[in-house]
Amino acid sequence: MNKDTKYDTNNVVDGLCYAAVGRLMAEHIERMHPAVISQAVESKAVQTLEAIRCVLENGRLNDEECCERVEKLVRLFFQELEIPIDRRPGSE
């Protein structure tokens, strides 16, 4: 449980809800000044890094589980920003 946000960082449903809210916010912010958009992206990046830190500090996860969750968080970050990720074949 993340003490600051009061949601379970290991719960996929919570993560998806936050992603949906983030998308709505991004759509609203698109109509704002570019500096506001930049600050919002930076904030989302910080939130993603905080979520990654929580995963890495979770002593109940093994290395493989940590890597899987971190990769999902990074994919979700780029997906929310609608930035395509071009990975080389076989790099997964």
Protein backbone atom coordinates (compact mmCIF):
# COMPACT_ATOMS: atom_id res chain seq x y z
CA MET A 1 0.00 0.00 0.00
CA ASN A 2 1.45 3.38 -0.98
CA LYS A 3 1.10 5.57 2.14
CA ASP A 4 0.99 8.82 0.11
CA THR A 5 -1.69 7.90 -2.43
CA LYS A 6 -3.67 5.33 -0.40
CA TYR A 7 -3.80 2.79 -3.24
CA ASP A 8 -2.18 -0.58 -3.58
CA THR A 9 0.80 -0.28 -5.94
CA ASN A 10 0.54 -4.00 -6.71
CA ASN A 11 -3.11 -3.78 -7.79
CA VAL A 12 -3.57 -3.71 -11.58
CA VAL A 13 -7.12 -2.31 -11.26
CA ASP A 14 -5.85 0.71 -9.31
CA GLY A 15 -3.13 1.22 -11.91
CA LEU A 16 -5.64 1.13 -14.76
CA CYS A 17 -7.94 3.58 -12.96
CA TYR A 18 -5.05 5.99 -12.49
CA ALA A 19 -4.13 5.56 -16.16
CA ALA A 20 -7.68 6.43 -17.24
CA VAL A 21 -7.73 9.51 -15.03
CA GLY A 22 -4.31 10.45 -16.39
CA ARG A 23 -5.57 10.21 -19.95
CA LEU A 24 -8.52 12.49 -19.15
CA MET A 25 -6.16 14.97 -17.56
CA ALA A 26 -3.82 14.83 -20.55
CA GLU A 27 -6.71 15.57 -22.91
CA HIS A 28 -7.65 18.57 -20.78
CA ILE A 29 -4.08 19.80 -20.47
CA GLU A 30 -3.56 19.64 -24.25
CA ARG A 31 -5.68 22.77 -24.44
CA MET A 32 -3.31 24.58 -22.06
CA HIS A 33 0.04 26.31 -22.35
CA PRO A 34 3.03 24.09 -23.35
CA ALA A 35 4.76 24.77 -20.01
CA VAL A 36 1.78 23.24 -18.20
CA ILE A 37 2.00 20.16 -20.42
CA SER A 38 5.72 19.87 -19.73
CA GLN A 39 5.13 20.05 -15.98
CA ALA A 40 2.41 17.39 -16.21
CA VAL A 41 4.70 15.02 -18.13
CA GLU A 42 7.46 15.61 -15.60
CA SER A 43 5.03 14.90 -12.77
CA LYS A 44 3.91 11.66 -14.44
CA ALA A 45 7.54 10.65 -14.88
CA VAL A 46 8.20 11.24 -11.17
CA GLN A 47 5.09 9.20 -10.28
CA THR A 48 6.30 6.38 -12.52
CA LEU A 49 9.74 6.45 -10.89
CA GLU A 50 8.10 6.34 -7.45
CA ALA A 51 6.04 3.32 -8.52
CA ILE A 52 9.21 1.63 -9.82
CA ARG A 53 10.95 2.33 -6.49
CA CYS A 54 8.05 0.70 -4.64
CA VAL A 55 8.33 -2.39 -6.84
CA LEU A 56 12.08 -2.63 -6.31
CA GLU A 57 11.70 -2.28 -2.54
CA ASN A 58 9.01 -4.96 -2.36
CA GLY A 59 10.79 -7.81 -0.61
CA ARG A 60 8.06 -10.30 -1.58
CA LEU A 61 9.00 -10.14 -5.27
CA ASN A 62 11.86 -12.03 -6.88
CA ASP A 63 14.07 -10.41 -9.55
CA GLU A 64 11.98 -11.72 -12.44
CA GLU A 65 8.73 -10.41 -10.94
CA CYS A 66 10.36 -7.03 -10.29
CA CYS A 67 11.57 -6.79 -13.88
CA GLU A 68 8.13 -7.71 -15.24
CA ARG A 69 6.38 -5.07 -13.11
CA VAL A 70 8.92 -2.39 -13.91
CA GLU A 71 8.59 -3.11 -17.63
CA LYS A 72 4.80 -2.86 -17.35
CA LEU A 73 5.07 0.49 -15.56
CA VAL A 74 7.41 1.85 -18.24
CA ARG A 75 5.10 0.60 -21.02
CA LEU A 76 2.11 2.18 -19.27
CA PHE A 77 3.98 5.48 -18.94
CA PHE A 78 4.72 5.61 -22.67
CA GLN A 79 1.23 4.36 -23.56
CA GLU A 80 -0.40 7.11 -21.51
CA LEU A 81 1.70 9.69 -23.32
CA GLU A 82 0.91 7.98 -26.64
CA ILE A 83 4.60 7.57 -27.41
CA PRO A 84 5.32 4.46 -29.51
CA ILE A 85 8.04 2.16 -28.26
CA ASP A 86 10.06 0.63 -31.11
CA ARG A 87 11.97 -2.34 -29.75
CA ARG A 88 14.35 -4.46 -31.72
CA PRO A 89 13.13 -8.00 -32.46
CA GLY A 90 14.37 -10.42 -29.82
CA SER A 91 15.13 -7.71 -27.28
CA GLU A 92 12.32 -8.81 -24.96
